[in-house]
């Protein structure tokens, strides 16, 4: 297969979301993939159709997930969730995991992965951060360092045990889900990347490599590795 098809749940219909789609699609197409944006239809036929059409799935960034999904009430600082998107992405990710499809989970996507494995989130870390983690003014440049487990897939792909990354989140993984392990963290100790034990291929990062990839070849390598596995 020369050009694998990678599915991405639609982030939304507004101008900002359309721009977001362009960032993801550009990185994947540069890596040699076809991109299929998936409408948020939480029905068995729609989910099974996506699994048949797509060799892998990228779960993108977006709004806060509903805290009820990880057994908490919504606290001040946690924004209004999008229930339709939460429902669709949860169903799709669960079935993609069952089918052992290659996965790339970014930002909210990493948090969704953690919730699906039984983990929890810190609903608002802004009062506890040492570095600025919600920094939309520096999309394409690094704003803080992360330390990477040298035995991890991420370290192999980046060929490093540290990296400098951008940051667009005010929530973070708190308790990691069973079967996940933290393979990178921020200086304050917030998880910045997760991997699944004994899973063929899953990248889950809290930062946004789609914004850095054009200027930082190491970040584009994440999209290339994901596409190559899908191929």
C-alpha atoms as a PDB file:
ATOM      1  CA  UNK A   1       0.000   0.000   0.000  1.00  0.00           C
ATOM      2  CA  UNK A   2       1.609   3.223  -1.186  1.00  0.00           C
ATOM      3  CA  UNK A   3      -0.699   5.807   0.400  1.00  0.00           C
ATOM      4  CA  UNK A   4      -2.410   4.560   3.577  1.00  0.00           C
ATOM      5  CA  UNK A   5      -5.645   6.241   4.616  1.00  0.00           C
ATOM      6  CA  UNK A   6      -5.582   7.812   8.067  1.00  0.00           C
ATOM      7  CA  UNK A   7      -8.839   8.823   9.719  1.00  0.00           C
ATOM      8  CA  UNK A   8      -9.223  11.961  11.834  1.00  0.00           C
ATOM      9  CA  UNK A   9     -12.465  12.788  13.689  1.00  0.00           C
ATOM     10  CA  UNK A  10     -13.644  16.229  12.568  1.00  0.00           C
ATOM     11  CA  UNK A  11     -12.457  18.794  15.138  1.00  0.00           C
ATOM     12  CA  UNK A  12     -15.370  21.120  14.256  1.00  0.00           C
ATOM     13  CA  UNK A  13     -16.894  23.277  11.535  1.00  0.00           C
ATOM     14  CA  UNK A  14     -15.724  26.783  12.461  1.00  0.00           C
ATOM     15  CA  UNK A  15     -12.892  28.698  10.824  1.00  0.00           C
ATOM     16  CA  UNK A  16     -10.467  27.858  13.662  1.00  0.00           C
ATOM     17  CA  UNK A  17     -11.266  24.151  13.336  1.00  0.00           C
ATOM     18  CA  UNK A  18     -10.821  24.256   9.561  1.00  0.00           C
ATOM     19  CA  UNK A  19      -7.380  25.764  10.049  1.00  0.00           C
ATOM     20  CA  UNK A  20      -6.613  23.014  12.563  1.00  0.00           C
ATOM     21  CA  UNK A  21      -7.551  20.374   9.995  1.00  0.00           C
ATOM     22  CA  UNK A  22      -5.059  21.865   7.554  1.00  0.00           C
ATOM     23  CA  UNK A  23      -2.177  21.501  10.048  1.00  0.00           C
ATOM     24  CA  UNK A  24      -2.840  17.800  10.642  1.00  0.00           C
ATOM     25  CA  UNK A  25      -3.492  17.008   6.984  1.00  0.00           C
ATOM     26  CA  UNK A  26      -0.349  18.819   5.823  1.00  0.00           C
ATOM     27  CA  UNK A  27       1.906  16.777   8.122  1.00  0.00           C
ATOM     28  CA  UNK A  28       0.316  13.467   7.192  1.00  0.00           C
ATOM     29  CA  UNK A  29       0.304  14.164   3.460  1.00  0.00           C
ATOM     30  CA  UNK A  30       3.942  15.201   3.656  1.00  0.00           C
ATOM     31  CA  UNK A  31       4.575  11.765   5.188  1.00  0.00           C
ATOM     32  CA  UNK A  32       2.754  10.056   2.309  1.00  0.00           C
ATOM     33  CA  UNK A  33      -0.753   9.459   3.693  1.00  0.00           C
ATOM     34  CA  UNK A  34      -4.274  10.034   2.463  1.00  0.00           C
ATOM     35  CA  UNK A  35      -6.394  11.833   5.056  1.00  0.00           C
ATOM     36  CA  UNK A  36     -10.055  11.080   5.730  1.00  0.00           C
ATOM     37  CA  UNK A  37     -11.909  13.451   8.059  1.00  0.00           C
ATOM     38  CA  UNK A  38     -14.650  11.539   9.851  1.00  0.00           C
ATOM     39  CA  UNK A  39     -18.063  12.991  10.672  1.00  0.00           C
ATOM     40  CA  UNK A  40     -19.141  12.520  14.277  1.00  0.00           C
ATOM     41  CA  UNK A  41     -21.743   9.785  13.759  1.00  0.00           C
ATOM     42  CA  UNK A  42     -21.705   7.548  16.880  1.00  0.00           C
ATOM     43  CA  UNK A  43     -23.426   4.607  15.189  1.00  0.00           C
ATOM     44  CA  UNK A  44     -22.121   1.062  14.750  1.00  0.00           C
ATOM     45  CA  UNK A  45     -22.227   1.240  10.943  1.00  0.00           C
ATOM     46  CA  UNK A  46     -20.319   4.542  10.886  1.00  0.00           C
ATOM     47  CA  UNK A  47     -17.674   3.189  13.266  1.00  0.00           C
ATOM     48  CA  UNK A  48     -17.250  -0.080  11.379  1.00  0.00           C
ATOM     49  CA  UNK A  49     -17.093   1.833   8.099  1.00  0.00           C
ATOM     50  CA  UNK A  50     -14.276   4.004   9.446  1.00  0.00           C
ATOM     51  CA  UNK A  51     -12.371   0.914  10.577  1.00  0.00           C
ATOM     52  CA  UNK A  52     -12.693  -0.611   7.104  1.00  0.00           C
ATOM     53  CA  UNK A  53     -11.637   2.564   5.278  1.00  0.00           C
ATOM     54  CA  UNK A  54      -8.707   3.608   7.466  1.00  0.00           C
ATOM     55  CA  UNK A  55      -5.414   1.915   8.214  1.00  0.00           C
ATOM     56  CA  UNK A  56      -4.824   4.121  11.269  1.00  0.00           C
ATOM     57  CA  UNK A  57      -6.361   6.961  13.263  1.00  0.00           C
ATOM     58  CA  UNK A  58      -5.172  10.316  14.542  1.00  0.00           C
ATOM     59  CA  UNK A  59      -7.142  11.695  17.497  1.00  0.00           C
ATOM     60  CA  UNK A  60      -6.657  15.481  17.499  1.00  0.00           C
ATOM     61  CA  UNK A  61      -6.623  18.259  20.058  1.00  0.00           C
ATOM     62  CA  UNK A  62      -9.748  20.113  21.077  1.00  0.00           C
ATOM     63  CA  UNK A  63     -12.020  21.130  23.965  1.00  0.00           C
ATOM     64  CA  UNK A  64     -12.000  19.689  27.469  1.00  0.00           C
ATOM     65  CA  UNK A  65     -13.493  16.224  27.846  1.00  0.00           C
ATOM     66  CA  UNK A  66     -16.526  15.789  30.078  1.00  0.00           C
ATOM     67  CA  UNK A  67     -15.234  15.055  33.626  1.00  0.00           C
ATOM     68  CA  UNK A  68     -18.074  12.595  34.225  1.00  0.00           C
ATOM     69  CA  UNK A  69     -16.144  10.254  31.929  1.00  0.00           C
ATOM     70  CA  UNK A  70     -13.487   9.900  34.612  1.00  0.00           C
ATOM     71  CA  UNK A  71     -15.766  10.010  37.639  1.00  0.00           C
ATOM     72  CA  UNK A  72     -15.515  13.696  38.580  1.00  0.00           C
ATOM     73  CA  UNK A  73     -17.784  16.720  38.685  1.00  0.00           C
ATOM     74  CA  UNK A  74     -16.859  19.674  36.524  1.00  0.00           C
ATOM     75  CA  UNK A  75     -14.772  22.181  38.477  1.00  0.00           C
ATOM     76  CA  UNK A  76     -14.243  25.908  37.847  1.00  0.00           C
ATOM     77  CA  UNK A  77     -11.643  26.242  35.120  1.00  0.00           C
ATOM     78  CA  UNK A  78     -12.865  23.209  33.179  1.00  0.00           C
ATOM     79  CA  UNK A  79     -14.586  24.422  30.020  1.00  0.00           C
ATOM     80  CA  UNK A  80     -17.880  23.192  28.595  1.00  0.00           C
ATOM     81  CA  UNK A  81     -17.387  19.809  26.890  1.00  0.00           C
ATOM     82  CA  UNK A  82     -18.693  18.713  23.494  1.00  0.00           C
ATOM     83  CA  UNK A  83     -20.785  15.602  24.321  1.00  0.00           C
ATOM     84  CA  UNK A  84     -21.282  14.568  20.682  1.00  0.00           C
ATOM     85  CA  UNK A  85     -17.560  14.610  20.007  1.00  0.00           C
ATOM     86  CA  UNK A  86     -16.798  12.876  23.311  1.00  0.00           C
ATOM     87  CA  UNK A  87     -19.220  10.059  22.487  1.00  0.00           C
ATOM     88  CA  UNK A  88     -18.024   9.514  18.924  1.00  0.00           C
ATOM     89  CA  UNK A  89     -14.311   9.630  19.676  1.00  0.00           C
ATOM     90  CA  UNK A  90     -14.691   7.310  22.668  1.00  0.00           C
ATOM     91  CA  UNK A  91     -16.513   4.722  20.557  1.00  0.00           C
ATOM     92  CA  UNK A  92     -14.074   5.029  17.670  1.00  0.00           C
ATOM     93  CA  UNK A  93     -10.983   4.828  19.863  1.00  0.00           C
ATOM     94  CA  UNK A  94     -12.324   1.783  21.713  1.00  0.00           C
ATOM     95  CA  UNK A  95     -12.984  -0.074  18.458  1.00  0.00           C
ATOM     96  CA  UNK A  96      -9.662   1.017  16.941  1.00  0.00           C
ATOM     97  CA  UNK A  97      -7.896  -0.384  20.001  1.00  0.00           C
ATOM     98  CA  UNK A  98      -9.818  -3.645  19.689  1.00  0.00           C
ATOM     99  CA  UNK A  99      -8.717  -3.862  16.052  1.00  0.00           C
ATOM    100  CA  UNK A 100      -5.145  -2.933  17.057  1.00  0.00           C
ATOM    101  CA  UNK A 101      -5.016  -0.114  14.525  1.00  0.00           C
ATOM    102  CA  UNK A 102      -2.002   2.242  14.653  1.00  0.00           C
ATOM    103  CA  UNK A 103      -2.843   5.345  16.688  1.00  0.00           C
ATOM    104  CA  UNK A 104      -1.524   8.881  17.048  1.00  0.00           C
ATOM    105  CA  UNK A 105      -3.191  10.757  19.926  1.00  0.00           C
ATOM    106  CA  UNK A 106      -2.433  14.475  20.272  1.00  0.00           C
ATOM    107  CA  UNK A 107      -3.404  16.820  23.114  1.00  0.00           C
ATOM    108  CA  UNK A 108      -7.027  16.019  23.912  1.00  0.00           C
ATOM    109  CA  UNK A 109      -6.471  12.722  22.069  1.00  0.00           C
ATOM    110  CA  UNK A 110      -3.877  11.677  24.645  1.00  0.00           C
ATOM    111  CA  UNK A 111      -6.257  12.620  27.457  1.00  0.00           C
ATOM    112  CA  UNK A 112      -9.040  10.588  25.833  1.00  0.00           C
ATOM    113  CA  UNK A 113      -6.733   7.577  25.602  1.00  0.00           C
ATOM    114  CA  UNK A 114      -5.948   7.882  29.296  1.00  0.00           C
ATOM    115  CA  UNK A 115      -9.618   8.083  30.251  1.00  0.00           C
ATOM    116  CA  UNK A 116     -10.469   5.033  28.153  1.00  0.00           C
ATOM    117  CA  UNK A 117      -7.864   3.050  30.100  1.00  0.00           C
ATOM    118  CA  UNK A 118      -9.412   4.138  33.408  1.00  0.00           C
ATOM    119  CA  UNK A 119      -7.179   7.138  34.152  1.00  0.00           C
ATOM    120  CA  UNK A 120      -8.092  10.621  35.350  1.00  0.00           C
ATOM    121  CA  UNK A 121      -7.231  14.215  34.457  1.00  0.00           C
ATOM    122  CA  UNK A 122      -6.195  17.333  36.324  1.00  0.00           C
ATOM    123  CA  UNK A 123      -9.006  19.665  35.295  1.00  0.00           C
ATOM    124  CA  UNK A 124      -6.988  22.889  35.472  1.00  0.00           C
ATOM    125  CA  UNK A 125      -3.247  23.056  36.082  1.00  0.00           C
ATOM    126  CA  UNK A 126      -2.797  26.791  35.568  1.00  0.00           C
ATOM    127  CA  UNK A 127      -2.327  27.515  39.283  1.00  0.00           C
ATOM    128  CA  UNK A 128       0.219  24.695  39.622  1.00  0.00           C
ATOM    129  CA  UNK A 129       2.450  25.155  36.606  1.00  0.00           C
ATOM    130  CA  UNK A 130       6.077  26.201  36.515  1.00  0.00           C
ATOM    131  CA  UNK A 131       6.082  26.717  32.752  1.00  0.00           C
ATOM    132  CA  UNK A 132       3.338  28.246  30.619  1.00  0.00           C
ATOM    133  CA  UNK A 133       1.366  25.264  29.309  1.00  0.00           C
ATOM    134  CA  UNK A 134      -1.370  27.209  27.523  1.00  0.00           C
ATOM    135  CA  UNK A 135       0.673  29.336  25.137  1.00  0.00           C
ATOM    136  CA  UNK A 136      -1.207  29.908  21.847  1.00  0.00           C
ATOM    137  CA  UNK A 137       1.144  32.753  20.899  1.00  0.00           C
ATOM    138  CA  UNK A 138       4.012  30.344  20.216  1.00  0.00           C
ATOM    139  CA  UNK A 139       2.380  27.616  18.158  1.00  0.00           C
ATOM    140  CA  UNK A 140       5.379  26.791  16.034  1.00  0.00           C
ATOM    141  CA  UNK A 141       8.165  27.119  18.589  1.00  0.00           C
ATOM    142  CA  UNK A 142       9.152  25.316  21.770  1.00  0.00           C
ATOM    143  CA  UNK A 143       8.086  26.793  25.108  1.00  0.00           C
ATOM    144  CA  UNK A 144       9.265  24.170  27.616  1.00  0.00           C
ATOM    145  CA  UNK A 145      11.402  21.014  27.836  1.00  0.00           C
ATOM    146  CA  UNK A 146      10.281  17.416  28.379  1.00  0.00           C
ATOM    147  CA  UNK A 147      12.265  14.453  29.631  1.00  0.00           C
ATOM    148  CA  UNK A 148      11.779  11.208  27.701  1.00  0.00           C
ATOM    149  CA  UNK A 149      12.187   7.624  28.907  1.00  0.00           C
ATOM    150  CA  UNK A 150      15.214   6.380  26.936  1.00  0.00           C
ATOM    151  CA  UNK A 151      13.610   2.922  26.594  1.00  0.00           C
ATOM    152  CA  UNK A 152      10.454   4.278  24.950  1.00  0.00           C
ATOM    153  CA  UNK A 153       9.213   4.293  21.360  1.00  0.00           C
ATOM    154  CA  UNK A 154       9.178   8.091  21.541  1.00  0.00           C
ATOM    155  CA  UNK A 155      12.890   8.207  22.399  1.00  0.00           C
ATOM    156  CA  UNK A 156      13.629   5.914  19.452  1.00  0.00           C
ATOM    157  CA  UNK A 157      11.689   8.115  17.051  1.00  0.00           C
ATOM    158  CA  UNK A 158      13.168  11.390  18.278  1.00  0.00           C
ATOM    159  CA  UNK A 159      16.608   9.818  18.846  1.00  0.00           C
ATOM    160  CA  UNK A 160      16.839  11.733  22.134  1.00  0.00           C
ATOM    161  CA  UNK A 161      15.925  11.531  25.812  1.00  0.00           C
ATOM    162  CA  UNK A 162      14.914  15.200  25.970  1.00  0.00           C
ATOM    163  CA  UNK A 163      12.941  17.492  23.687  1.00  0.00           C
ATOM    164  CA  UNK A 164      11.685  21.062  23.597  1.00  0.00           C
ATOM    165  CA  UNK A 165       8.001  21.297  22.742  1.00  0.00           C
ATOM    166  CA  UNK A 166       5.172  23.763  22.309  1.00  0.00           C
ATOM    167  CA  UNK A 167       2.202  23.751  24.685  1.00  0.00           C
ATOM    168  CA  UNK A 168      -1.539  24.370  24.247  1.00  0.00           C
ATOM    169  CA  UNK A 169      -3.212  22.712  27.207  1.00  0.00           C
ATOM    170  CA  UNK A 170      -4.547  23.645  30.641  1.00  0.00           C
ATOM    171  CA  UNK A 171      -5.449  20.079  31.598  1.00  0.00           C
ATOM    172  CA  UNK A 172      -3.163  17.095  32.032  1.00  0.00           C
ATOM    173  CA  UNK A 173      -3.136  13.400  32.809  1.00  0.00           C
ATOM    174  CA  UNK A 174      -3.350  12.887  36.567  1.00  0.00           C
ATOM    175  CA  UNK A 175      -3.581   9.146  37.251  1.00  0.00           C
ATOM    176  CA  UNK A 176      -2.455   7.130  34.224  1.00  0.00           C
ATOM    177  CA  UNK A 177      -4.779   4.367  33.117  1.00  0.00           C
ATOM    178  CA  UNK A 178      -3.983   0.723  33.692  1.00  0.00           C
ATOM    179  CA  UNK A 179      -1.826  -0.609  30.858  1.00  0.00           C
ATOM    180  CA  UNK A 180      -0.384   2.825  30.026  1.00  0.00           C
ATOM    181  CA  UNK A 181       3.002   4.140  31.048  1.00  0.00           C
ATOM    182  CA  UNK A 182       4.332   7.679  31.108  1.00  0.00           C
ATOM    183  CA  UNK A 183       7.212   7.967  28.644  1.00  0.00           C
ATOM    184  CA  UNK A 184       7.774  11.745  28.893  1.00  0.00           C
ATOM    185  CA  UNK A 185       7.037  14.413  31.470  1.00  0.00           C
ATOM    186  CA  UNK A 186       7.406  18.146  32.017  1.00  0.00           C
ATOM    187  CA  UNK A 187       9.730  19.675  34.635  1.00  0.00           C
ATOM    188  CA  UNK A 188       6.777  19.899  37.054  1.00  0.00           C
ATOM    189  CA  UNK A 189       6.058  16.209  36.570  1.00  0.00           C
ATOM    190  CA  UNK A 190       2.996  16.467  34.330  1.00  0.00           C
ATOM    191  CA  UNK A 191       2.783  13.569  31.849  1.00  0.00           C
ATOM    192  CA  UNK A 192       3.672  14.733  28.337  1.00  0.00           C
ATOM    193  CA  UNK A 193       3.510  11.393  26.499  1.00  0.00           C
ATOM    194  CA  UNK A 194       1.966   7.962  27.030  1.00  0.00           C
ATOM    195  CA  UNK A 195       2.488   4.565  25.473  1.00  0.00           C
ATOM    196  CA  UNK A 196       0.425   1.376  25.667  1.00  0.00           C
ATOM    197  CA  UNK A 197       2.089  -1.724  27.016  1.00  0.00           C
ATOM    198  CA  UNK A 198       2.291  -4.530  24.419  1.00  0.00           C
ATOM    199  CA  UNK A 199       0.488  -2.593  21.672  1.00  0.00           C
ATOM    200  CA  UNK A 200       1.741  -2.612  18.058  1.00  0.00           C
ATOM    201  CA  UNK A 201       1.970   1.194  17.631  1.00  0.00           C
ATOM    202  CA  UNK A 202       0.545   4.065  19.643  1.00  0.00           C
ATOM    203  CA  UNK A 203       2.005   7.555  19.999  1.00  0.00           C
ATOM    204  CA  UNK A 204       0.263   9.806  22.522  1.00  0.00           C
ATOM    205  CA  UNK A 205       1.717  13.267  23.148  1.00  0.00           C
ATOM    206  CA  UNK A 206       0.379  16.248  25.065  1.00  0.00           C
ATOM    207  CA  UNK A 207       2.084  18.847  22.865  1.00  0.00           C
ATOM    208  CA  UNK A 208       1.153  19.686  19.267  1.00  0.00           C
ATOM    209  CA  UNK A 209       3.760  18.451  16.771  1.00  0.00           C
ATOM    210  CA  UNK A 210       1.549  19.460  13.840  1.00  0.00           C
ATOM    211  CA  UNK A 211       2.441  23.105  14.521  1.00  0.00           C
ATOM    212  CA  UNK A 212       6.174  22.454  14.939  1.00  0.00           C
ATOM    213  CA  UNK A 213       6.770  19.928  12.166  1.00  0.00           C
ATOM    214  CA  UNK A 214       7.513  22.387   9.355  1.00  0.00           C
ATOM    215  CA  UNK A 215      10.398  23.953  11.308  1.00  0.00           C
ATOM    216  CA  UNK A 216      11.428  21.017  13.473  1.00  0.00           C
ATOM    217  CA  UNK A 217      12.224  17.848  11.476  1.00  0.00           C
ATOM    218  CA  UNK A 218      12.182  15.693  14.615  1.00  0.00           C
ATOM    219  CA  UNK A 219       8.488  16.474  15.104  1.00  0.00           C
ATOM    220  CA  UNK A 220       7.688  15.590  11.489  1.00  0.00           C
ATOM    221  CA  UNK A 221       9.354  12.219  12.128  1.00  0.00           C
ATOM    222  CA  UNK A 222       6.464  11.350  14.450  1.00  0.00           C
ATOM    223  CA  UNK A 223       4.011  11.721  11.549  1.00  0.00           C
ATOM    224  CA  UNK A 224       6.371   9.842   9.255  1.00  0.00           C
ATOM    225  CA  UNK A 225       6.723   6.907  11.649  1.00  0.00           C
ATOM    226  CA  UNK A 226       2.961   6.737  12.154  1.00  0.00           C
ATOM    227  CA  UNK A 227       2.310   6.817   8.406  1.00  0.00           C
ATOM    228  CA  UNK A 228       4.967   4.200   7.715  1.00  0.00           C
ATOM    229  CA  UNK A 229       3.388   1.795  10.217  1.00  0.00           C
ATOM    230  CA  UNK A 230      -0.043   2.382   8.644  1.00  0.00           C
ATOM    231  CA  UNK A 231       1.517   1.658   5.255  1.00  0.00           C
END
